[in-house]
Amino acid sequence: MPQPTQAQSSNQEGRILLAIQAINLRQIKSVRAAAISYDVPSSTLFDRIHGMTSRRDSTPNSPSYGNQSKVQSEFSLVRNTVAKYRILEQDIYNFDEAGFTMGVIATAKLEFLSAFKEAFKATFIEQNIKSGFRATGLVPTPTPPIVESEHIKNRIVQHQNSSPTSINDAVSCLVKGAEMIMHSAILLKAEVKALQAANEQKKRTERKRLLKAEVKALQVANEQKKRRERKCKRRIMQGGSLSVQEGEDILQSAEVDAQVRTEVASETTRQGGSIGRQRRCGTCGNMGHNARTFILFDTSEALLFKDNSGIYNLKMAAQLQYKNDGSGRLHGRVAIVTGSSSGMGRAIALSLAREGAKVVCSDLKPEAAQHGFEDDRHIPTHTVITNNGGSSAFIKCDMGVTTEVIALIEFAVKEFSKLDILVNNAGLWLPLRDFVEETDEQWDAMMGINGKGVATSMRQAIKQFLGQPVDAKSGCRGRIVNISSSAGIVAIRREATYAASKAAVSMLSRNVALDHAKDFINVNAVCPGVVRTAMSSTNFKDSNIIAEMRKGTPWPRLGEPQDIANVVLFLCSDEAQWVTGQNIAVDGGFTVGIPL
């Protein structure tokens, strides 16, 4: 066996070349024997024979790592791919640029090859193969996984501690794996998008089906009602009899229709005009409202709310939805509304409940006054709230009895653990009369309820507020809204005692607001004008009084309870944090001046 010379032994590269030459000339049959004979590492000799490394691509013990610009560009591609498609680093290989260019010498090949094997196999699935991996050059040729070859296995076993593969080759493999995973991510993203679109289409179809079923049910119910009406009419025509309730309903409906037709005809005659065809809504095609504001034209109230030009009162038709999902402006707040069984108190309680408040309703009795104007007055206010998914409770309270007022505040705190809002709406009003005709008993009753009752409830509520922290969202400890009156702002004939009691409420609100602004407690008063409620129903039955009230109100209609409730709701909301000590007139311009 030939032996290397001393000159040859001093140059490892020369010894490697001589060993390769000896093997090629079959002077030495095995790589191991040649490595021993020429004193070179068997792994290096094995690599050089199989063309896997060269002098040019080997990693020297120096800070130079091949073509640096290529390394940087390859790493940029990997970073952009990972960021764009949100690929986890461990899915391709847990390398970073600094670790790769500075610490790769300490990384075993077994770790690199294992990681690359998993990344490769994760993308090598039937779907990706069908999508054209081979055609795009993303899969190496031949296609069997490289890491499963005997050549790689032998290399791992024999050379675990040898220097790693060329930096450029390793980075290229890393990029190739990233490209395959990127392609897999694109396919998965498209599949998810298709599933989402199919699910949304399914939801739309289901909503349409439910809507059609609801419309059909309403049509059936309407047809049944019409059949009952026709049956009643046939019974009358044939000389039969109806129940008392059926007869009253038919007569009342006929009287209202006739009265409205007569009034409309007389107004048209006086103005020299003609009755035009009623316009239809541009959205649904029905008559009685317009598409822009969805406001009903309530002709059944024409006599009471007709303005000087014959235009009828506009009444909101769309009922507000109860926000029980936590999205309401008053979600989690606890409110007390006195005098809540009918009129303005009922409208206020329902408005607060629709915005998520838990409402304690109080009045002399839970049932609404039967001479009121609410369509659903046969259902107590707190029942309406609970039936719509809200939280409410009722307690009897006479505002003229101090013990009952104190018990009201205690009941609310016991029922809902706190108190955030107090609305003093309950009050006493008597029919119009000159001052000399009023008695001391009437004065005491009016002042006791409208004045002392309001003061007592405010005092008890403030004591509760002071024991509570400032709410982080609303910025206050509590809010009080007192329902005063426009009679407390301007003088109105034949309302001396009532005006005095309401003026007391207005000034009391301002003084209490001044005392407790430092405690983050808001106190305001709302002063309604002429509003159609059960309490004022006697006035609305007197055409002379109505004419006088309409003459003194600049706005083309008189007030509805919801007009007052809307302002109270604002004063109870977070938007009114910096509003306190104010008397807000909600009166259609009644207190502005006398319209000519």
Foldseek 3Di string as FASTA:
>chain_A
DDADDPVQLVDQVSLLVVLLVCCVVVVDPDLVVSCVRSVHDSLVSVCVNVVQDDPQQDDDPDLDAPDVVLLVVLLVLLVVLCVVLVDDCQLQPPDDSCCLSPVQQVDWPVRLLVSLQNLVVVLPDPVNVVVQCVVVVLADPPRDDPCPDPVNVVCCVPPRNPGDGRSSVSSVSSSSSSVSVSVVSVVVVVVVVVVVVVVVVVVVVVVVVVVVVVVVVVVVVVVVVVVVVVVVVVCVVVVHDDDPVVVVVVVVVVVLVVVLVVVLVVLCVVVVHDDDDFDAEPPPRHGQAYPPQQWGQPSSCQLQWFFPNRRGDTHHDDDQAAPQPQQALQAPAEEEQEPCLWFLNVLQQVVNRSRHYAYEYEEQDQQFDPLWDDPVSRDGSQRVSVVRPTHYYYDYADLLDLVRLLVSVVVSCVVSVAHAEYEAEDADDDDFDAPVPDDPVVLCRRCSRLPVSVVSNVVSNVVRLLVDDQDPQLRASHEYEYEAAVLCVDPDHRRVSNNVSSVNVLVVQLVVLVVCVVRLYAGEYEHEAAERTSNCSVQSVDSVSSVVSSQLAPASTWHYSNLVSVVVVCCSGSVVSPDHSYYHYSYNCNNVDGDD
